[in-house]
Protein backbone atom coordinates (compact mmCIF):
# COMPACT_ATOMS: atom_id res chain seq x y z
CA MET A 1 -62.98 48.66 -1.06
CA VAL A 2 -61.44 46.72 -3.62
CA ALA A 3 -58.89 44.07 -2.99
CA ILE A 4 -55.78 43.60 -5.08
CA VAL A 5 -55.07 39.78 -5.51
CA GLY A 6 -52.14 38.89 -6.81
CA THR A 7 -52.14 36.25 -9.05
CA SER A 8 -49.28 34.31 -10.45
CA LEU A 9 -49.32 32.27 -13.62
CA SER A 10 -46.98 29.30 -13.09
CA ILE A 11 -45.37 27.85 -15.89
CA PRO A 12 -44.36 24.52 -15.05
CA GLN A 13 -40.28 24.05 -15.62
CA VAL A 14 -39.37 21.31 -17.85
CA GLN A 15 -36.78 19.43 -16.21
CA THR A 16 -34.27 18.48 -18.62
CA GLY A 17 -31.76 15.94 -18.22
CA PRO A 18 -28.00 15.96 -18.90
CA ASP A 19 -27.01 16.38 -22.32
CA LYS A 20 -25.13 13.80 -24.26
CA ALA A 21 -21.83 15.81 -24.02
CA GLN A 22 -22.24 15.50 -20.21
CA VAL A 23 -22.88 12.09 -19.98
CA ALA A 24 -19.99 10.97 -22.59
CA GLN A 25 -17.34 13.37 -20.20
CA ALA A 26 -18.87 11.73 -17.23
CA ARG A 27 -18.20 8.17 -18.66
CA ARG A 28 -14.51 9.08 -19.81
CA ASP A 29 -13.83 10.54 -16.31
CA ALA A 30 -15.76 7.41 -14.78
CA ASP A 31 -13.07 5.26 -17.03
CA ALA A 32 -10.09 7.33 -16.07
CA ALA A 33 -10.58 7.06 -12.56
CA GLN A 34 -11.22 3.17 -13.31
CA SER A 35 -7.84 3.07 -15.00
CA ARG A 36 -6.21 5.11 -12.05
CA ALA A 37 -7.42 2.53 -9.52
CA ASP A 38 -6.21 -0.51 -11.66
CA ASP A 39 -3.09 1.12 -11.95
CA LEU A 40 -2.73 1.99 -8.47
CA ARG A 41 -3.78 -1.57 -7.38
CA ALA A 42 -1.15 -3.11 -9.67
CA ALA A 43 1.44 -0.85 -7.92
CA ALA A 44 0.31 -2.01 -4.37
CA ASP A 45 0.54 -5.61 -5.38
CA GLN A 46 4.00 -4.92 -6.88
CA ALA A 47 5.25 -3.09 -3.55
CA ASP A 48 3.56 -6.06 -1.59
CA ARG A 49 5.77 -8.62 -3.23
CA SER A 50 8.88 -6.57 -2.95
CA ALA A 51 8.14 -6.07 0.61
CA ARG A 52 7.65 -9.44 1.34
CA THR A 53 10.87 -10.63 -1.01
CA SER A 54 13.15 -8.21 1.31
CA GLN A 55 11.42 -9.34 4.47
CA ASP A 56 12.59 -12.96 3.28
CA THR A 57 15.78 -11.96 2.85
CA ALA A 58 16.43 -10.39 6.09
CA ASN A 59 14.90 -13.42 7.62
CA ASP A 60 17.58 -15.30 5.88
CA LEU A 61 20.39 -13.25 6.81
CA ASN A 62 19.68 -13.32 10.49
CA ALA A 63 19.12 -17.19 10.34
CA ARG A 64 22.51 -16.99 8.55
CA SER A 65 23.82 -14.59 11.00
CA LYS A 66 23.19 -16.67 14.00
CA GLN A 67 24.23 -19.61 12.51
CA MET A 68 27.80 -18.30 11.95
CA ASP A 69 27.69 -16.73 15.12
CA ALA A 70 27.24 -20.19 16.83
CA THR A 71 29.99 -21.67 14.84
CA TYR A 72 32.33 -18.85 15.36
CA SER A 73 31.76 -19.25 19.09
CA GLN A 74 32.32 -22.98 18.93
CA GLN A 75 35.63 -22.49 16.94
CA LEU A 76 36.60 -20.10 19.80
CA ARG A 77 35.84 -22.33 22.55
CA ARG A 78 37.36 -25.23 20.41
CA SER A 79 40.49 -23.04 19.85
CA SER A 80 40.88 -22.04 23.29
CA GLN A 81 40.39 -25.39 25.05
CA THR A 82 43.57 -26.41 23.16
CA LYS A 83 45.68 -23.42 23.72
CA GLY A 84 44.24 -23.50 27.54
CA LEU A 85 42.83 -19.71 27.03
CA ILE A 86 39.85 -18.03 28.70
CA ILE A 87 37.54 -16.68 26.91
CA ASN A 88 34.40 -14.49 28.09
CA LEU A 89 31.72 -15.42 25.08
CA SER A 90 28.65 -13.78 26.64
CA ALA A 91 29.20 -10.53 25.53
């Protein structure tokens, strides 16, 4: 009996790296991504500054409102005392 044995000649495959065009495209993509990230950081910084300014304005207006309320309440008390009126300021 004759046995047939299969043999395969293995040819080594040459691993080729990416070509120059692929490398150049990858660099352009990376540069574009970095530029976009920088733009987003700048926009986020601007938004933070705007939010802080708005919060400062809100705090200032709140403080001034409280001061005006207190001043108005005092004026009402003085006015009611001189005129003999009773005003409920607890509301």
